Amino acid sequence: MVSSKEQLLQRLKELQIDFAQYDHPEVLTVEAQAKYVGHLKGGLSKNLFLKDKKHRYYIVSALSDTKVDLKVLSQRLGLGKGGLRMAPEEALGEILKVPVGCVTPFAAVHESARYVSLLLDQKFKSQEYCFFHPLSNDMSISLNAFGLDKFLKSIGRDPAYVDLEANPPVGKDQPPDLAALVPSEAPVPQDLQDKVVADKSDLAANNKPTVVTAAKPVKPSKSLVKERPVDAVNMSSFADPEKFVNEILEKTSAAIISEIKDEKLKEQTGTVLSNSVKKHLTLELQSLATMFKNLAYTDGFVAGKNYQPKRM
């Protein structure tokens, strides 16, 4: 497990990756880094940690002079014009496990970053060497694209190089060209994980044996169990992944609650069960639904473009 600068450097040596290291004071910007290594042969990199509206995360690593338009990149990913924004600072510690100023492709080594999408500037391949911080901004290391690829593949990453300055049209007849790079899942924030654990603890406490003295059966709450039957998912919701997932989770929660035979227990634990199911699965299912929608859109476009009707 690589979790420090020293361990990362040792891992590069074990992989026999050629690199050079340069110690310097802590730096927070490319301009500050350039004062110490800018005179050396190689390209400086700038690294952005981004998130979308579905709480999926992205590392965009580019040469310092590459112009990255977030609105254009967002459209190319199929997220709309305003789908990307800078990730909050607390996510650096929770997901990438690095402080401010230390975001680089090497941060993808952590298990907590397994669902973070990594987009690399294709210009890296034209550089003899490129500079990155090795999980700490008091050092820069230089290596070529081949060495970077070798490291990424060793941690199960398939490097994705992108022309970050391209601006291809996106529309009905031109699907987003980078849709396949949208993460399939979103990491579950720590506070949500803690809440799920708390919900499970409450549920366990409420499941203690109780003596029911009332002879009358307790009528289930209308807020917990829908009166309408659990039928097929509304076909109109397929176009909206969020609506589609919410409808599935509502039906799932109702189905689970209906299996609780003890009416008093149903009243006590129904809300906890319903909330736990929704909070634990919503982000993951929305990510999968969006991915399938994007892939279906792309496949449908290609199939329609290649379709040739038979002549009579």
Protein backbone atom coordinates (compact mmCIF):
# COMPACT_ATOMS: atom_id res chain seq x y z
CA MET A 1 0.00 0.00 0.00
CA VAL A 2 1.40 3.38 -1.06
CA SER A 3 0.42 6.19 1.31
CA SER A 4 3.45 8.50 1.50
CA LYS A 5 6.03 10.21 -0.67
CA GLU A 6 8.73 7.76 0.43
CA GLN A 7 6.58 4.72 -0.36
CA LEU A 8 5.69 6.13 -3.78
CA LEU A 9 9.35 6.70 -4.68
CA GLN A 10 10.17 3.17 -3.53
CA ARG A 11 7.33 1.80 -5.66
CA LEU A 12 8.67 3.60 -8.75
CA LYS A 13 12.09 2.06 -8.12
CA GLU A 14 10.57 -1.40 -7.74
CA LEU A 15 8.82 -0.95 -11.08
CA GLN A 16 12.16 0.14 -12.61
CA ILE A 17 10.67 3.43 -13.75
CA ASP A 18 13.26 6.03 -14.69
CA PHE A 19 12.69 9.29 -12.76
CA ALA A 20 14.57 12.16 -11.16
CA GLN A 21 13.61 13.90 -7.91
CA TYR A 22 14.06 17.53 -6.86
CA ASP A 23 13.53 18.75 -3.30
CA HIS A 24 12.25 22.29 -2.80
CA PRO A 25 10.08 24.28 -0.35
CA GLU A 26 6.34 23.60 -0.34
CA VAL A 27 4.62 25.20 -3.34
CA LEU A 28 0.92 25.68 -4.03
CA THR A 29 0.97 26.84 -7.67
CA VAL A 30 2.64 25.95 -10.94
CA GLU A 31 4.27 29.39 -10.96
CA ALA A 32 5.86 28.73 -7.56
CA GLN A 33 7.02 25.29 -8.68
CA ALA A 34 8.57 26.78 -11.83
CA LYS A 35 10.99 28.83 -9.70
CA TYR A 36 12.71 25.59 -8.68
CA VAL A 37 12.36 23.22 -11.66
CA GLY A 38 11.13 25.42 -14.50
CA HIS A 39 14.66 25.80 -15.89
CA LEU A 40 15.02 22.03 -16.27
CA LYS A 41 14.07 20.07 -19.37
CA GLY A 42 10.46 18.94 -19.13
CA GLY A 43 6.88 20.14 -18.97
CA LEU A 44 5.24 21.42 -15.80
CA SER A 45 1.79 20.02 -15.02
CA LYS A 46 -1.32 21.58 -13.55
CA ASN A 47 -3.82 19.30 -11.88
CA LEU A 48 -7.51 19.92 -11.21
CA PHE A 49 -9.71 17.97 -8.81
CA LEU A 50 -13.31 18.28 -10.02
CA LYS A 51 -16.76 16.95 -9.18
CA ASP A 52 -20.09 16.80 -11.00
CA LYS A 53 -23.66 17.20 -9.75
CA LYS A 54 -23.90 13.48 -9.02
CA HIS A 55 -20.91 13.68 -6.64
CA ARG A 56 -18.58 11.84 -9.00
CA TYR A 57 -14.98 13.01 -9.04
CA TYR A 58 -12.35 13.66 -11.70
CA ILE A 59 -8.62 14.42 -11.80
CA VAL A 60 -7.66 16.43 -14.88
CA SER A 61 -3.88 16.52 -15.35
CA ALA A 62 -2.56 18.81 -18.07
CA LEU A 63 0.53 20.67 -19.19
CA SER A 64 0.69 24.09 -17.56
CA ASP A 65 0.05 25.91 -20.88
CA THR A 66 -2.93 23.75 -21.90
CA LYS A 67 -6.20 25.68 -21.81
CA VAL A 68 -8.89 23.64 -20.03
CA ASP A 69 -12.42 25.01 -20.48
CA LEU A 70 -14.58 23.34 -17.83
CA LYS A 71 -17.82 24.15 -19.66
CA VAL A 72 -16.56 22.47 -22.83
CA LEU A 73 -15.13 19.52 -20.92
CA SER A 74 -18.42 19.13 -19.05
CA GLN A 75 -20.36 18.93 -22.32
CA ARG A 76 -17.88 16.43 -23.77
CA LEU A 77 -18.49 14.20 -20.74
CA GLY A 78 -22.25 14.43 -21.27
CA LEU A 79 -22.81 16.47 -18.10
CA GLY A 80 -24.16 19.68 -19.63
CA LYS A 81 -22.45 23.08 -19.59
CA GLY A 82 -22.42 23.51 -15.82
CA GLY A 83 -21.86 19.92 -14.80
CA LEU A 84 -18.28 20.30 -13.54
CA ARG A 85 -16.95 22.38 -10.67
CA MET A 86 -13.95 22.39 -8.36
CA ALA A 87 -14.20 19.70 -5.68
CA PRO A 88 -14.41 20.92 -2.07
CA GLU A 89 -11.19 20.98 -0.07
CA GLU A 90 -12.43 18.36 2.40
CA ALA A 91 -12.74 15.85 -0.46
CA LEU A 92 -8.97 16.05 -0.98
CA GLY A 93 -8.38 14.48 2.40
CA GLU A 94 -11.27 12.00 2.27
CA ILE A 95 -10.85 10.75 -1.29
CA LEU A 96 -7.37 11.59 -2.60
CA LYS A 97 -5.68 11.56 0.83
CA VAL A 98 -3.51 14.58 -0.06
CA PRO A 99 -3.48 18.22 1.09
CA VAL A 100 -4.06 21.29 -1.09
CA GLY A 101 -1.44 21.70 -3.81
CA CYS A 102 -0.64 17.98 -4.04
CA VAL A 103 -3.18 16.74 -6.61
CA THR A 104 -1.47 14.69 -9.35
CA PRO A 105 -2.16 11.41 -11.19
CA PHE A 106 -0.26 9.67 -8.36
CA ALA A 107 -3.14 10.43 -5.96
CA ALA A 108 -5.14 7.78 -7.83
CA VAL A 109 -3.06 5.17 -5.98
CA HIS A 110 -5.30 5.31 -2.92
CA GLU A 111 -8.16 2.83 -2.60
CA SER A 112 -10.52 5.67 -1.71
CA ALA A 113 -9.89 7.14 -5.19
CA ARG A 114 -10.78 3.98 -7.12
CA TYR A 115 -13.90 5.61 -8.61
CA VAL A 116 -12.18 8.89 -9.50
CA SER A 117 -11.85 9.36 -13.26
CA LEU A 118 -8.36 10.35 -14.47
CA LEU A 119 -8.05 12.43 -17.65
CA LEU A 120 -4.49 12.97 -18.91
CA ASP A 121 -3.39 15.64 -21.38
CA GLN A 122 -2.32 13.98 -24.62
CA LYS A 123 0.45 16.61 -24.83
CA PHE A 124 2.29 14.70 -22.11
CA LYS A 125 3.27 12.18 -24.78
CA SER A 126 5.16 14.84 -26.74
CA GLN A 127 7.29 15.84 -23.73
CA GLU A 128 10.62 14.22 -22.98
CA TYR A 129 9.82 14.53 -19.26
CA CYS A 130 6.95 15.89 -17.18
CA PHE A 131 7.01 17.14 -13.58
CA PHE A 132 4.58 16.01 -10.88
CA HIS A 133 4.46 16.18 -7.08
CA PRO A 134 4.82 12.70 -5.51
CA LEU A 135 1.90 13.04 -3.03
CA SER A 136 3.75 15.93 -1.39
CA ASN A 137 4.39 19.44 -2.71
CA ASP A 138 7.87 19.78 -1.19
CA MET A 139 9.31 17.70 -4.03
CA SER A 140 8.90 17.35 -7.80
CA ILE A 141 9.77 14.27 -9.81
CA SER A 142 10.26 14.10 -13.57
CA LEU A 143 9.37 11.08 -15.69
CA ASN A 144 8.09 10.44 -19.19
CA ALA A 145 4.63 9.32 -20.28
CA PHE A 146 5.81 5.72 -20.60
CA GLY A 147 6.89 5.70 -16.95
CA LEU A 148 3.64 7.31 -15.82
CA ASP A 149 1.65 4.73 -17.79
CA LYS A 150 3.65 1.88 -16.26
CA PHE A 151 2.87 3.12 -12.75
CA LEU A 152 -0.84 3.65 -13.47
CA LYS A 153 -1.21 0.20 -15.00
CA SER A 154 0.48 -1.29 -11.91
CA ILE A 155 -2.40 0.04 -9.78
CA GLY A 156 -5.07 -1.15 -12.21
CA ARG A 157 -5.56 2.10 -14.11
CA ASP A 158 -5.84 2.18 -17.90
CA PRO A 159 -4.37 5.61 -18.84
CA ALA A 160 -6.80 7.81 -20.79
CA TYR A 161 -5.11 10.56 -22.82
CA VAL A 162 -7.38 13.32 -24.07
CA ASP A 163 -7.05 16.39 -26.27
CA LEU A 164 -8.19 18.77 -23.55
CA GLU A 165 -8.28 21.78 -25.89
CA ALA A 166 -10.60 20.16 -28.43
CA ASN A 167 -14.14 21.50 -28.70
CA PRO A 168 -16.13 19.00 -30.79
CA PRO A 169 -19.83 19.72 -31.30
CA VAL A 170 -22.21 17.88 -28.98
CA GLY A 171 -25.83 17.47 -29.93
CA LYS A 172 -28.52 15.16 -31.17
CA ASP A 173 -26.35 13.77 -33.95
CA GLN A 174 -23.02 14.15 -32.12
CA PRO A 175 -22.92 12.29 -28.78
CA PRO A 176 -20.41 13.43 -26.12
CA ASP A 177 -17.03 11.96 -27.07
CA LEU A 178 -15.82 11.52 -23.46
CA ALA A 179 -18.98 9.98 -21.98
CA ALA A 180 -17.19 6.67 -21.38
CA LEU A 181 -14.82 8.45 -18.95
CA VAL A 182 -17.62 9.38 -16.52
CA PRO A 183 -17.10 7.31 -13.35
CA SER A 184 -19.43 4.33 -13.07
CA GLU A 185 -19.84 4.96 -9.34
CA ALA A 186 -19.47 7.77 -6.83
CA PRO A 187 -17.56 7.42 -3.57
CA VAL A 188 -19.74 7.44 -0.46
CA PRO A 189 -18.80 10.47 1.71
CA GLN A 190 -17.56 9.63 5.22
CA ASP A 191 -20.44 11.45 6.93
CA LEU A 192 -22.92 9.36 4.92
CA GLN A 193 -21.08 6.16 5.83
CA ASP A 194 -21.28 7.18 9.50
CA LYS A 195 -25.02 7.88 9.15
CA VAL A 196 -25.64 4.45 7.61
CA VAL A 197 -23.76 2.81 10.49
CA ALA A 198 -25.86 4.82 12.96
CA ASP A 199 -29.08 3.80 11.17
CA LYS A 200 -28.05 0.15 11.38
CA SER A 201 -27.34 0.54 15.11
CA ASP A 202 -30.77 2.08 15.67
CA LEU A 203 -32.35 -0.72 13.68
CA ALA A 204 -30.56 -3.36 15.75
CA ALA A 205 -31.76 -1.70 18.96
CA ASN A 206 -35.33 -1.55 17.71
CA ASN A 207 -35.24 -5.22 16.79
CA LYS A 208 -35.08 -6.30 20.44
CA PRO A 209 -37.95 -8.70 21.37
CA THR A 210 -41.04 -6.85 22.61
CA VAL A 211 -44.27 -8.09 24.18
CA VAL A 212 -47.32 -7.01 22.20
CA THR A 213 -50.38 -6.83 24.45
CA ALA A 214 -52.79 -5.13 22.09
CA ALA A 215 -55.26 -7.51 20.46
CA LYS A 216 -56.02 -5.14 17.59
CA PRO A 217 -53.67 -5.20 14.63
CA VAL A 218 -51.87 -1.88 14.11
CA LYS A 219 -52.65 -0.30 10.76
CA PRO A 220 -49.50 0.48 8.76
CA SER A 221 -48.69 4.15 8.30
CA LYS A 222 -49.60 5.53 4.89
CA SER A 223 -46.31 7.47 4.86
CA LEU A 224 -44.37 4.21 4.98
CA VAL A 225 -46.30 1.89 2.70
CA LYS A 226 -47.68 3.11 -0.59
CA GLU A 227 -51.29 2.12 -1.22
CA ARG A 228 -50.60 1.55 -4.86
CA PRO A 229 -49.19 -1.89 -5.76
CA VAL A 230 -45.52 -2.44 -6.60
CA ASP A 231 -45.90 -2.48 -10.35
CA ALA A 232 -43.57 -1.94 -13.27
CA VAL A 233 -41.35 1.17 -13.28
CA ASN A 234 -42.86 4.07 -15.20
CA MET A 235 -41.33 3.99 -18.66
CA SER A 236 -41.27 7.81 -18.87
CA SER A 237 -38.70 7.91 -16.05
CA PHE A 238 -36.05 6.12 -18.14
CA ALA A 239 -34.92 9.41 -19.70
CA ASP A 240 -34.15 10.88 -16.27
CA PRO A 241 -31.65 8.70 -14.31
CA GLU A 242 -32.38 10.48 -11.02
CA LYS A 243 -36.14 10.04 -11.34
CA PHE A 244 -35.68 6.46 -12.53
CA VAL A 245 -33.51 5.54 -9.52
CA ASN A 246 -35.81 7.29 -7.04
CA GLU A 247 -38.78 5.33 -8.35
CA ILE A 248 -36.90 2.04 -8.06
CA LEU A 249 -35.80 2.81 -4.50
CA GLU A 250 -39.32 3.82 -3.45
CA LYS A 251 -40.68 0.52 -4.71
CA THR A 252 -37.79 -1.40 -3.15
CA SER A 253 -38.34 0.24 0.24
CA ALA A 254 -42.07 -0.48 0.10
CA ALA A 255 -41.42 -4.11 -0.83
CA ILE A 256 -38.98 -4.58 2.06
CA ILE A 257 -41.31 -2.99 4.60
CA SER A 258 -44.23 -5.12 3.40
CA GLU A 259 -42.26 -8.25 4.35
CA ILE A 260 -42.20 -7.24 8.02
CA LYS A 261 -45.08 -9.21 9.54
CA ASP A 262 -45.03 -7.66 12.99
CA GLU A 263 -47.08 -4.47 12.60
CA LYS A 264 -45.54 -2.76 15.63
CA LEU A 265 -42.05 -3.55 14.42
CA LYS A 266 -43.06 -2.27 10.99
CA GLU A 267 -44.02 1.09 12.52
CA GLN A 268 -40.80 1.27 14.52
CA THR A 269 -38.29 0.32 11.85
CA GLY A 270 -39.98 1.19 8.56
CA THR A 271 -38.62 4.73 8.31
CA VAL A 272 -35.10 3.67 9.32
CA LEU A 273 -35.09 0.89 6.70
CA SER A 274 -36.44 3.13 3.96
CA ASN A 275 -33.95 5.94 4.65
CA SER A 276 -31.01 3.56 4.93
CA VAL A 277 -31.79 1.87 1.59
CA LYS A 278 -32.14 5.20 -0.20
CA LYS A 279 -29.08 6.86 1.29
CA HIS A 280 -26.86 3.84 0.80
CA LEU A 281 -27.80 3.12 -2.82
CA THR A 282 -28.93 6.39 -4.43
CA LEU A 283 -25.53 7.73 -5.58
CA GLU A 284 -24.30 4.37 -6.84
CA LEU A 285 -27.47 3.56 -8.79
CA GLN A 286 -27.69 7.07 -10.28
CA SER A 287 -24.09 6.74 -11.49
CA LEU A 288 -24.81 3.39 -13.12
CA ALA A 289 -28.05 4.64 -14.69
CA THR A 290 -26.28 7.68 -16.15
CA MET A 291 -23.48 5.51 -17.53
CA PHE A 292 -25.95 3.15 -19.21
CA LYS A 293 -27.89 6.10 -20.61
CA ASN A 294 -24.72 7.64 -22.10
CA LEU A 295 -23.57 4.34 -23.55
CA ALA A 296 -27.01 3.60 -24.99
CA TYR A 297 -27.11 7.07 -26.53
CA THR A 298 -23.69 6.58 -28.10
CA ASP A 299 -24.46 3.05 -29.35
CA GLY A 300 -27.80 4.20 -30.73
CA PHE A 301 -26.14 7.05 -32.58
CA VAL A 302 -23.53 4.74 -34.13
CA ALA A 303 -26.18 2.15 -35.08
CA GLY A 304 -28.37 4.80 -36.67
CA LYS A 305 -25.45 6.32 -38.55
CA ASN A 306 -24.40 2.93 -39.98
CA TYR A 307 -27.94 1.77 -40.79
CA GLN A 308 -28.65 1.41 -44.48
CA PRO A 309 -32.23 0.58 -45.46
CA LYS A 310 -32.71 -2.17 -47.99
CA ARG A 311 -33.68 -1.02 -51.42
CA MET A 312 -36.83 -2.60 -52.88
